[in-house]
Amino acid sequence: MVSFHEACRWVHALPYGYNSDRDDLMILFKEKMGTCTTKHAVIGTLARELEIPIQKNVGVYAMTEEIVTGTSGLLKRFDLPYIPMLHCFLVYDRFRVDLTEGNRNGKNRSIEEFLFTERIDPNISGKDEYMLYRKALADVILKRPELNGVDIRRVLQAREEGLKLLRANL
């Protein structure tokens, strides 16, 4: 590869798949597949090293049946209007870039709207990303009118089931 764009195209073309160690920056190359977390970690890190003003961001989106087939059963089971889920992407200027868009990633369409977004380190640890998610739930998401009175434990349980559903839909 001779250009940043070529590296982006190469990463985008890799199959979507859950890695064995998301905290290993090289796992994408070892396993020749990746998630939004690992694909954007590699390109975000490369951009930083090349001093290209591209930042990795994490967002919480409202997972519904429209986005992930099978979600409606979980929404009924947990009595939620949606499941707040994390998704990573890159930002350049005012443009959002998702290197998993078009991959077989368990979603029916790309994520266009987020309930919360924050710039993060390209290679944020799984633990730190989860803690950021918990903080976003407590500080922002669970304060939304449609989630008034919803306990964080219920959302976290629904999230776990949502992750299983996404994996099953690959």
N, C-alpha and C. Protein backbone atom coordinates (compact mmCIF):
# COMPACT_ATOMS: atom_id res chain seq x y z
N MET A 1 0.84 -1.17 0.00
CA MET A 1 0.00 0.00 0.00
C MET A 1 0.88 1.24 0.00
N VAL A 2 0.49 2.19 -0.80
CA VAL A 2 1.32 3.39 -0.92
C VAL A 2 0.62 4.66 -0.46
N SER A 3 -0.68 4.58 -0.14
CA SER A 3 -1.38 5.80 0.27
C SER A 3 -2.34 5.50 1.43
N PHE A 4 -2.70 6.56 2.13
CA PHE A 4 -3.66 6.45 3.22
C PHE A 4 -5.00 5.95 2.69
N HIS A 5 -5.43 6.49 1.55
CA HIS A 5 -6.70 6.06 0.96
C HIS A 5 -6.68 4.58 0.61
N GLU A 6 -5.56 4.12 0.12
CA GLU A 6 -5.43 2.70 -0.21
C GLU A 6 -5.54 1.85 1.05
N ALA A 7 -4.95 2.30 2.14
CA ALA A 7 -5.07 1.59 3.42
C ALA A 7 -6.53 1.55 3.88
N CYS A 8 -7.23 2.67 3.73
CA CYS A 8 -8.65 2.72 4.10
C CYS A 8 -9.47 1.74 3.27
N ARG A 9 -9.22 1.72 1.97
CA ARG A 9 -9.95 0.79 1.10
C ARG A 9 -9.66 -0.66 1.47
N TRP A 10 -8.41 -0.95 1.81
CA TRP A 10 -8.03 -2.31 2.18
C TRP A 10 -8.75 -2.75 3.46
N VAL A 11 -8.75 -1.87 4.46
CA VAL A 11 -9.43 -2.18 5.73
C VAL A 11 -10.93 -2.32 5.50
N HIS A 12 -11.51 -1.43 4.72
CA HIS A 12 -12.94 -1.51 4.44
C HIS A 12 -13.30 -2.83 3.76
N ALA A 13 -12.44 -3.31 2.88
CA ALA A 13 -12.70 -4.55 2.13
C ALA A 13 -12.57 -5.81 2.99
N LEU A 14 -11.89 -5.71 4.13
CA LEU A 14 -11.78 -6.88 5.00
C LEU A 14 -13.16 -7.29 5.50
N PRO A 15 -13.40 -8.58 5.65
CA PRO A 15 -14.70 -9.02 6.16
C PRO A 15 -14.95 -8.50 7.57
N TYR A 16 -16.22 -8.29 7.87
CA TYR A 16 -16.61 -7.93 9.23
C TYR A 16 -16.60 -9.21 10.06
N GLY A 17 -15.98 -9.15 11.22
CA GLY A 17 -15.97 -10.30 12.12
C GLY A 17 -15.42 -9.91 13.47
N TYR A 18 -15.91 -10.61 14.48
CA TYR A 18 -15.48 -10.33 15.85
C TYR A 18 -14.10 -10.92 16.09
N ASN A 19 -13.20 -10.09 16.55
CA ASN A 19 -11.81 -10.50 16.78
C ASN A 19 -11.64 -11.17 18.14
N SER A 20 -10.60 -11.98 18.23
CA SER A 20 -10.33 -12.71 19.48
C SER A 20 -9.79 -11.79 20.57
N ASP A 21 -9.14 -10.68 20.20
CA ASP A 21 -8.59 -9.74 21.19
C ASP A 21 -8.70 -8.33 20.63
N ARG A 22 -9.78 -7.66 20.94
CA ARG A 22 -10.02 -6.33 20.38
C ARG A 22 -9.03 -5.29 20.87
N ASP A 23 -8.29 -5.58 21.94
CA ASP A 23 -7.31 -4.63 22.46
C ASP A 23 -5.94 -4.76 21.79
N ASP A 24 -5.78 -5.75 20.92
CA ASP A 24 -4.54 -5.95 20.17
C ASP A 24 -4.65 -5.18 18.85
N LEU A 25 -3.91 -4.11 18.71
CA LEU A 25 -3.99 -3.28 17.51
C LEU A 25 -3.67 -4.06 16.24
N MET A 26 -2.88 -5.10 16.35
CA MET A 26 -2.48 -5.89 15.17
C MET A 26 -3.44 -7.02 14.85
N ILE A 27 -4.50 -7.20 15.65
CA ILE A 27 -5.41 -8.34 15.46
C ILE A 27 -6.08 -8.33 14.09
N LEU A 28 -6.33 -7.15 13.57
CA LEU A 28 -6.95 -7.02 12.25
C LEU A 28 -6.09 -7.70 11.19
N PHE A 29 -4.80 -7.55 11.30
CA PHE A 29 -3.87 -8.14 10.32
C PHE A 29 -3.70 -9.63 10.57
N LYS A 30 -3.71 -10.03 11.83
CA LYS A 30 -3.55 -11.45 12.17
C LYS A 30 -4.76 -12.27 11.74
N GLU A 31 -5.96 -11.72 11.96
CA GLU A 31 -7.19 -12.49 11.71
C GLU A 31 -7.86 -12.13 10.39
N LYS A 32 -7.36 -11.09 9.73
CA LYS A 32 -7.86 -10.65 8.42
C LYS A 32 -9.38 -10.41 8.42
N MET A 33 -9.83 -9.79 9.51
CA MET A 33 -11.22 -9.37 9.65
C MET A 33 -11.26 -8.40 10.82
N GLY A 34 -12.39 -7.70 10.96
CA GLY A 34 -12.49 -6.78 12.08
C GLY A 34 -13.88 -6.21 12.26
N THR A 35 -14.06 -5.57 13.39
CA THR A 35 -15.30 -4.89 13.73
C THR A 35 -15.10 -3.39 13.56
N CYS A 36 -16.13 -2.62 13.88
CA CYS A 36 -15.96 -1.16 13.83
C CYS A 36 -14.84 -0.74 14.77
N THR A 37 -14.72 -1.41 15.89
CA THR A 37 -13.69 -1.06 16.88
C THR A 37 -12.29 -1.27 16.32
N THR A 38 -12.03 -2.46 15.77
CA THR A 38 -10.67 -2.77 15.34
C THR A 38 -10.32 -2.12 14.00
N LYS A 39 -11.28 -2.04 13.08
CA LYS A 39 -11.01 -1.40 11.79
C LYS A 39 -10.68 0.08 11.99
N HIS A 40 -11.48 0.76 12.80
CA HIS A 40 -11.26 2.19 13.01
C HIS A 40 -10.07 2.47 13.93
N ALA A 41 -9.70 1.50 14.77
CA ALA A 41 -8.50 1.66 15.60
C ALA A 41 -7.26 1.71 14.71
N VAL A 42 -7.20 0.81 13.74
CA VAL A 42 -6.03 0.75 12.85
C VAL A 42 -5.92 2.02 12.02
N ILE A 43 -7.01 2.41 11.37
CA ILE A 43 -6.95 3.60 10.50
C ILE A 43 -6.83 4.87 11.32
N GLY A 44 -7.47 4.94 12.47
CA GLY A 44 -7.32 6.11 13.34
C GLY A 44 -5.89 6.27 13.83
N THR A 45 -5.25 5.16 14.16
CA THR A 45 -3.85 5.19 14.60
C THR A 45 -2.94 5.60 13.46
N LEU A 46 -3.17 5.05 12.27
CA LEU A 46 -2.38 5.43 11.10
C LEU A 46 -2.54 6.92 10.80
N ALA A 47 -3.76 7.42 10.85
CA ALA A 47 -4.00 8.85 10.61
C ALA A 47 -3.22 9.71 11.61
N ARG A 48 -3.24 9.30 12.86
CA ARG A 48 -2.51 10.06 13.89
C ARG A 48 -1.01 10.05 13.59
N GLU A 49 -0.47 8.89 13.22
CA GLU A 49 0.96 8.80 12.92
C GLU A 49 1.34 9.63 11.70
N LEU A 50 0.43 9.72 10.73
CA LEU A 50 0.69 10.50 9.52
C LEU A 50 0.29 11.97 9.67
N GLU A 51 -0.20 12.32 10.86
CA GLU A 51 -0.66 13.68 11.16
C GLU A 51 -1.78 14.13 10.23
N ILE A 52 -2.68 13.19 9.94
CA ILE A 52 -3.89 13.50 9.16
C ILE A 52 -5.00 13.76 10.19
N PRO A 53 -5.73 14.87 10.06
CA PRO A 53 -6.72 15.23 11.09
C PRO A 53 -8.01 14.39 11.01
N ILE A 54 -7.86 13.12 11.30
CA ILE A 54 -8.99 12.19 11.34
C ILE A 54 -9.05 11.64 12.76
N GLN A 55 -10.23 11.66 13.35
CA GLN A 55 -10.39 11.19 14.72
C GLN A 55 -11.37 10.02 14.77
N LYS A 56 -11.07 9.10 15.67
CA LYS A 56 -12.00 8.01 15.94
C LYS A 56 -13.03 8.53 16.94
N ASN A 57 -14.28 8.19 16.69
CA ASN A 57 -15.38 8.56 17.57
C ASN A 57 -16.17 7.32 17.93
N VAL A 58 -16.84 7.40 19.05
CA VAL A 58 -17.78 6.36 19.44
C VAL A 58 -19.13 7.04 19.58
N GLY A 59 -20.16 6.34 19.18
CA GLY A 59 -21.50 6.87 19.29
C GLY A 59 -22.44 5.83 19.87
N VAL A 60 -23.48 6.31 20.53
CA VAL A 60 -24.54 5.44 21.01
C VAL A 60 -25.73 5.67 20.09
N TYR A 61 -26.20 4.59 19.48
CA TYR A 61 -27.35 4.69 18.59
C TYR A 61 -28.52 3.89 19.15
N ALA A 62 -29.71 4.15 18.64
CA ALA A 62 -30.92 3.46 19.06
C ALA A 62 -31.13 2.24 18.16
N MET A 63 -30.80 1.05 18.68
CA MET A 63 -30.99 -0.18 17.90
C MET A 63 -32.46 -0.56 17.91
N THR A 64 -33.02 -0.65 16.71
CA THR A 64 -34.42 -1.02 16.53
C THR A 64 -34.51 -2.13 15.49
N GLU A 65 -35.70 -2.62 15.27
CA GLU A 65 -35.94 -3.67 14.27
C GLU A 65 -35.52 -3.21 12.88
N GLU A 66 -35.72 -1.93 12.59
CA GLU A 66 -35.34 -1.38 11.29
C GLU A 66 -33.83 -1.53 11.03
N ILE A 67 -33.05 -1.40 12.07
CA ILE A 67 -31.59 -1.47 11.93
C ILE A 67 -31.09 -2.91 12.05
N VAL A 68 -31.62 -3.67 13.00
CA VAL A 68 -31.16 -5.05 13.22
C VAL A 68 -32.37 -5.97 13.32
N THR A 69 -32.51 -6.85 12.36
CA THR A 69 -33.61 -7.80 12.34
C THR A 69 -33.58 -8.67 13.59
N GLY A 70 -34.73 -8.77 14.26
CA GLY A 70 -34.84 -9.56 15.48
C GLY A 70 -34.87 -8.72 16.74
N THR A 71 -34.65 -7.42 16.61
CA THR A 71 -34.60 -6.54 17.78
C THR A 71 -35.97 -6.39 18.43
N SER A 72 -37.05 -6.46 17.67
CA SER A 72 -38.39 -6.22 18.24
C SER A 72 -38.69 -7.16 19.40
N GLY A 73 -38.26 -8.42 19.31
CA GLY A 73 -38.47 -9.36 20.41
C GLY A 73 -37.74 -8.93 21.67
N LEU A 74 -36.54 -8.41 21.51
CA LEU A 74 -35.78 -7.94 22.67
C LEU A 74 -36.43 -6.69 23.27
N LEU A 75 -36.94 -5.82 22.42
CA LEU A 75 -37.58 -4.60 22.92
C LEU A 75 -38.81 -4.95 23.75
N LYS A 76 -39.57 -5.92 23.29
CA LYS A 76 -40.74 -6.36 24.07
C LYS A 76 -40.30 -7.00 25.38
N ARG A 77 -39.31 -7.87 25.29
CA ARG A 77 -38.82 -8.60 26.47
C ARG A 77 -38.31 -7.65 27.56
N PHE A 78 -37.60 -6.60 27.15
CA PHE A 78 -37.01 -5.67 28.11
C PHE A 78 -37.85 -4.40 28.29
N ASP A 79 -38.97 -4.31 27.58
CA ASP A 79 -39.86 -3.16 27.65
C ASP A 79 -39.10 -1.85 27.43
N LEU A 80 -38.44 -1.80 26.26
CA LEU A 80 -37.66 -0.63 25.88
C LEU A 80 -38.09 -0.14 24.50
N PRO A 81 -37.98 1.17 24.23
CA PRO A 81 -38.29 1.67 22.89
C PRO A 81 -37.17 1.36 21.89
N TYR A 82 -35.96 1.16 22.39
CA TYR A 82 -34.78 0.82 21.59
C TYR A 82 -33.70 0.34 22.55
N ILE A 83 -32.65 -0.27 21.99
CA ILE A 83 -31.51 -0.66 22.82
C ILE A 83 -30.35 0.28 22.49
N PRO A 84 -29.86 1.03 23.47
CA PRO A 84 -28.70 1.90 23.22
C PRO A 84 -27.45 1.04 22.98
N MET A 85 -26.89 1.16 21.79
CA MET A 85 -25.73 0.36 21.40
C MET A 85 -24.60 1.26 20.94
N LEU A 86 -23.38 0.77 21.09
CA LEU A 86 -22.19 1.51 20.67
C LEU A 86 -21.83 1.21 19.23
N HIS A 87 -21.30 2.21 18.55
CA HIS A 87 -20.74 2.03 17.22
C HIS A 87 -19.59 3.02 17.07
N CYS A 88 -18.50 2.58 16.45
CA CYS A 88 -17.34 3.44 16.22
C CYS A 88 -17.29 3.88 14.77
N PHE A 89 -16.72 5.04 14.54
CA PHE A 89 -16.57 5.58 13.20
C PHE A 89 -15.45 6.61 13.23
N LEU A 90 -15.07 7.07 12.07
CA LEU A 90 -14.04 8.10 11.95
C LEU A 90 -14.68 9.42 11.55
N VAL A 91 -14.06 10.52 11.93
CA VAL A 91 -14.54 11.84 11.54
C VAL A 91 -13.38 12.62 10.93
N TYR A 92 -13.65 13.18 9.76
CA TYR A 92 -12.71 14.08 9.10
C TYR A 92 -13.48 15.36 8.80
N ASP A 93 -13.05 16.47 9.39
CA ASP A 93 -13.75 17.74 9.24
C ASP A 93 -15.18 17.54 9.73
N ARG A 94 -16.16 17.67 8.87
CA ARG A 94 -17.55 17.44 9.27
C ARG A 94 -18.11 16.15 8.67
N PHE A 95 -17.24 15.33 8.13
CA PHE A 95 -17.66 14.10 7.46
C PHE A 95 -17.42 12.88 8.34
N ARG A 96 -18.43 12.04 8.41
CA ARG A 96 -18.33 10.79 9.14
C ARG A 96 -17.99 9.67 8.16
N VAL A 97 -17.03 8.83 8.52
CA VAL A 97 -16.60 7.72 7.67
C VAL A 97 -16.72 6.43 8.48
N ASP A 98 -17.43 5.46 7.92
CA ASP A 98 -17.61 4.17 8.59
C ASP A 98 -17.03 3.08 7.70
N LEU A 99 -15.91 2.51 8.13
CA LEU A 99 -15.22 1.49 7.34
C LEU A 99 -15.88 0.12 7.45
N THR A 100 -17.02 0.04 8.15
CA THR A 100 -17.79 -1.21 8.17
C THR A 100 -19.06 -1.08 7.34
N GLU A 101 -19.32 0.10 6.83
CA GLU A 101 -20.52 0.30 6.01
C GLU A 101 -20.44 -0.58 4.77
N GLY A 102 -21.52 -1.30 4.52
CA GLY A 102 -21.54 -2.21 3.38
C GLY A 102 -20.98 -3.58 3.69
N ASN A 103 -20.31 -3.72 4.84
CA ASN A 103 -19.84 -5.04 5.28
C ASN A 103 -21.05 -5.82 5.80
N ARG A 104 -20.94 -7.12 5.81
CA ARG A 104 -22.00 -7.95 6.41
C ARG A 104 -21.78 -7.91 7.92
N ASN A 105 -22.38 -6.90 8.58
CA ASN A 105 -22.08 -6.62 9.98
C ASN A 105 -23.25 -6.85 10.93
N GLY A 106 -24.31 -7.47 10.43
CA GLY A 106 -25.47 -7.74 11.28
C GLY A 106 -26.51 -6.64 11.24
N LYS A 107 -26.19 -5.53 10.62
CA LYS A 107 -27.13 -4.40 10.54
C LYS A 107 -27.74 -4.35 9.13
N ASN A 108 -28.98 -3.91 9.07
CA ASN A 108 -29.68 -3.79 7.79
C ASN A 108 -29.30 -2.53 7.02
N ARG A 109 -28.77 -1.56 7.74
CA ARG A 109 -28.39 -0.29 7.10
C ARG A 109 -27.33 0.40 7.96
N SER A 110 -26.76 1.44 7.40
CA SER A 110 -25.76 2.20 8.16
C SER A 110 -26.44 3.02 9.25
N ILE A 111 -25.66 3.36 10.24
CA ILE A 111 -26.15 4.18 11.36
C ILE A 111 -25.96 5.64 10.97
N GLU A 112 -27.05 6.37 10.91
CA GLU A 112 -26.99 7.78 10.52
C GLU A 112 -27.20 8.72 11.70
N GLU A 113 -27.94 8.26 12.71
CA GLU A 113 -28.28 9.13 13.84
C GLU A 113 -27.74 8.53 15.13
N PHE A 114 -27.17 9.39 15.95
CA PHE A 114 -26.63 8.96 17.24
C PHE A 114 -27.26 9.77 18.36
N LEU A 115 -27.45 9.12 19.50
CA LEU A 115 -27.98 9.76 20.69
C LEU A 115 -26.87 10.46 21.47
N PHE A 116 -25.64 10.02 21.23
CA PHE A 116 -24.47 10.53 21.95
C PHE A 116 -23.25 10.20 21.10
N THR A 117 -22.30 11.12 21.01
CA THR A 117 -21.02 10.84 20.36
C THR A 117 -19.89 11.48 21.16
N GLU A 118 -18.72 10.86 21.06
CA GLU A 118 -17.54 11.43 21.72
C GLU A 118 -16.29 10.98 20.97
N ARG A 119 -15.36 11.90 20.84
CA ARG A 119 -14.05 11.57 20.26
C ARG A 119 -13.28 10.72 21.27
N ILE A 120 -12.61 9.69 20.76
CA ILE A 120 -11.86 8.80 21.64
C ILE A 120 -10.48 8.52 21.06
N ASP A 121 -9.61 7.95 21.88
CA ASP A 121 -8.31 7.51 21.42
C ASP A 121 -8.53 6.39 20.39
N PRO A 122 -7.78 6.36 19.30
CA PRO A 122 -8.01 5.33 18.29
C PRO A 122 -7.94 3.90 18.83
N ASN A 123 -7.07 3.66 19.79
CA ASN A 123 -6.89 2.30 20.31
C ASN A 123 -7.38 2.20 21.75
N ILE A 124 -8.54 2.80 22.03
CA ILE A 124 -9.11 2.75 23.38
C ILE A 124 -9.32 1.28 23.78
N SER A 125 -9.07 0.99 25.04
CA SER A 125 -9.25 -0.39 25.51
C SER A 125 -10.73 -0.74 25.59
N GLY A 126 -11.02 -2.01 25.54
CA GLY A 126 -12.39 -2.47 25.67
C GLY A 126 -13.00 -2.03 26.98
N LYS A 127 -12.22 -2.09 28.05
CA LYS A 127 -12.70 -1.68 29.36
C LYS A 127 -13.04 -0.19 29.37
N ASP A 128 -12.15 0.64 28.83
CA ASP A 128 -12.40 2.09 28.82
C ASP A 128 -13.59 2.44 27.94
N GLU A 129 -13.74 1.74 26.82
CA GLU A 129 -14.89 1.99 25.95
C GLU A 129 -16.19 1.63 26.66
N TYR A 130 -16.19 0.51 27.38
CA TYR A 130 -17.37 0.10 28.14
C TYR A 130 -17.69 1.12 29.23
N MET A 131 -16.67 1.62 29.92
CA MET A 131 -16.90 2.62 30.96
C MET A 131 -17.46 3.91 30.37
N LEU A 132 -16.99 4.28 29.18
CA LEU A 132 -17.54 5.45 28.49
C LEU A 132 -19.01 5.22 28.15
N TYR A 133 -19.34 4.02 27.70
CA TYR A 133 -20.74 3.66 27.40
C TYR A 133 -21.59 3.80 28.66
N ARG A 134 -21.12 3.25 29.77
CA ARG A 134 -21.87 3.33 31.03
C ARG A 134 -22.07 4.79 31.45
N LYS A 135 -21.04 5.61 31.29
CA LYS A 135 -21.14 7.03 31.64
C LYS A 135 -22.14 7.73 30.73
N ALA A 136 -22.10 7.42 29.44
CA ALA A 136 -23.06 8.02 28.50
C ALA A 136 -24.49 7.61 28.85
N LEU A 137 -24.67 6.36 29.25
CA LEU A 137 -26.01 5.92 29.67
C LEU A 137 -26.48 6.76 30.85
N ALA A 138 -25.66 6.83 31.89
CA ALA A 138 -26.04 7.52 33.12
C ALA A 138 -26.22 9.02 32.92
N ASP A 139 -25.32 9.64 32.17
CA ASP A 139 -25.32 11.10 32.06
C ASP A 139 -26.22 11.65 30.96
N VAL A 140 -26.47 10.85 29.92
CA VAL A 140 -27.20 11.38 28.76
C VAL A 140 -28.40 10.51 28.36
N ILE A 141 -28.14 9.27 28.05
CA ILE A 141 -29.15 8.41 27.42
C ILE A 141 -30.34 8.16 28.34
N LEU A 142 -30.10 7.76 29.58
CA LEU A 142 -31.20 7.44 30.49
C LEU A 142 -31.95 8.68 30.98
N LYS A 143 -31.47 9.86 30.61
CA LYS A 143 -32.18 11.10 30.95
C LYS A 143 -33.14 11.52 29.84
N ARG A 144 -33.15 10.78 28.75
CA ARG A 144 -34.07 11.08 27.65
C ARG A 144 -35.49 10.73 28.09
N PRO A 145 -36.49 11.50 27.65
CA PRO A 145 -37.87 11.28 28.11
C PRO A 145 -38.39 9.86 27.85
N GLU A 146 -38.03 9.28 26.71
CA GLU A 146 -38.55 7.95 26.38
C GLU A 146 -37.96 6.84 27.24
N LEU A 147 -36.90 7.14 27.99
CA LEU A 147 -36.28 6.15 28.87
C LEU A 147 -36.45 6.52 30.35
N ASN A 148 -37.34 7.46 30.62
CA ASN A 148 -37.60 7.91 31.98
C ASN A 148 -37.98 6.71 32.86
N GLY A 149 -37.27 6.54 33.95
CA GLY A 149 -37.57 5.46 34.89
C GLY A 149 -36.94 4.12 34.56
N VAL A 150 -36.23 4.02 33.45
CA VAL A 150 -35.59 2.76 33.06
C VAL A 150 -34.30 2.59 33.86
N ASP A 151 -34.14 1.42 34.44
CA ASP A 151 -32.97 1.09 35.24
C ASP A 151 -31.79 0.73 34.33
N ILE A 152 -30.60 1.18 34.70
CA ILE A 152 -29.42 0.91 33.89
C ILE A 152 -29.16 -0.59 33.74
N ARG A 153 -29.49 -1.38 34.76
CA ARG A 153 -29.27 -2.84 34.67
C ARG A 153 -30.09 -3.46 33.54
N ARG A 154 -31.31 -2.98 33.37
CA ARG A 154 -32.16 -3.50 32.29
C ARG A 154 -31.54 -3.17 30.93
N VAL A 155 -31.03 -1.96 30.79
CA VAL A 155 -30.39 -1.57 29.52
C VAL A 155 -29.14 -2.41 29.28
N LEU A 156 -28.35 -2.65 30.31
CA LEU A 156 -27.13 -3.44 30.15
C LEU A 156 -27.45 -4.89 29.78
N GLN A 157 -28.51 -5.45 30.36
CA GLN A 157 -28.93 -6.80 29.98
C GLN A 157 -29.41 -6.83 28.53
N ALA A 158 -30.19 -5.82 28.15
CA ALA A 158 -30.67 -5.74 26.77
C ALA A 158 -29.50 -5.59 25.80
N ARG A 159 -28.49 -4.83 26.20
CA ARG A 159 -27.30 -4.65 25.36
C ARG A 159 -26.61 -5.99 25.13
N GLU A 160 -26.45 -6.78 26.18
CA GLU A 160 -25.81 -8.09 26.04
C GLU A 160 -26.58 -8.96 25.04
N GLU A 161 -27.90 -8.94 25.14
CA GLU A 161 -28.71 -9.72 24.20
C GLU A 161 -28.63 -9.13 22.79
N GLY A 162 -28.54 -7.81 22.71
CA GLY A 162 -28.38 -7.15 21.41
C GLY A 162 -27.07 -7.54 20.74
N LEU A 163 -26.00 -7.65 21.52
CA LEU A 163 -24.71 -8.09 20.97
C LEU A 163 -24.80 -9.52 20.44
N LYS A 164 -25.50 -10.39 21.17
CA LYS A 164 -25.70 -11.77 20.71
C LYS A 164 -26.47 -11.78 19.39
N LEU A 165 -27.49 -10.93 19.31
CA LEU A 165 -28.29 -10.85 18.09
C LEU A 165 -27.45 -10.37 16.91
N LEU A 166 -26.65 -9.36 17.11
CA LEU A 166 -25.78 -8.87 16.04
C LEU A 166 -24.84 -9.97 15.55
N ARG A 167 -24.27 -10.72 16.47
CA ARG A 167 -23.38 -11.83 16.09
C ARG A 167 -24.14 -12.89 15.30
N ALA A 168 -25.36 -13.18 15.73
CA ALA A 168 -26.16 -14.20 15.06
C ALA A 168 -26.57 -13.76 13.65
N ASN A 169 -26.66 -12.46 13.44
CA ASN A 169 -27.09 -11.92 12.13
C ASN A 169 -25.96 -11.79 11.12
N LEU A 170 -24.73 -12.11 11.51
CA LEU A 170 -23.61 -11.99 10.56
C LEU A 170 -23.77 -12.96 9.41
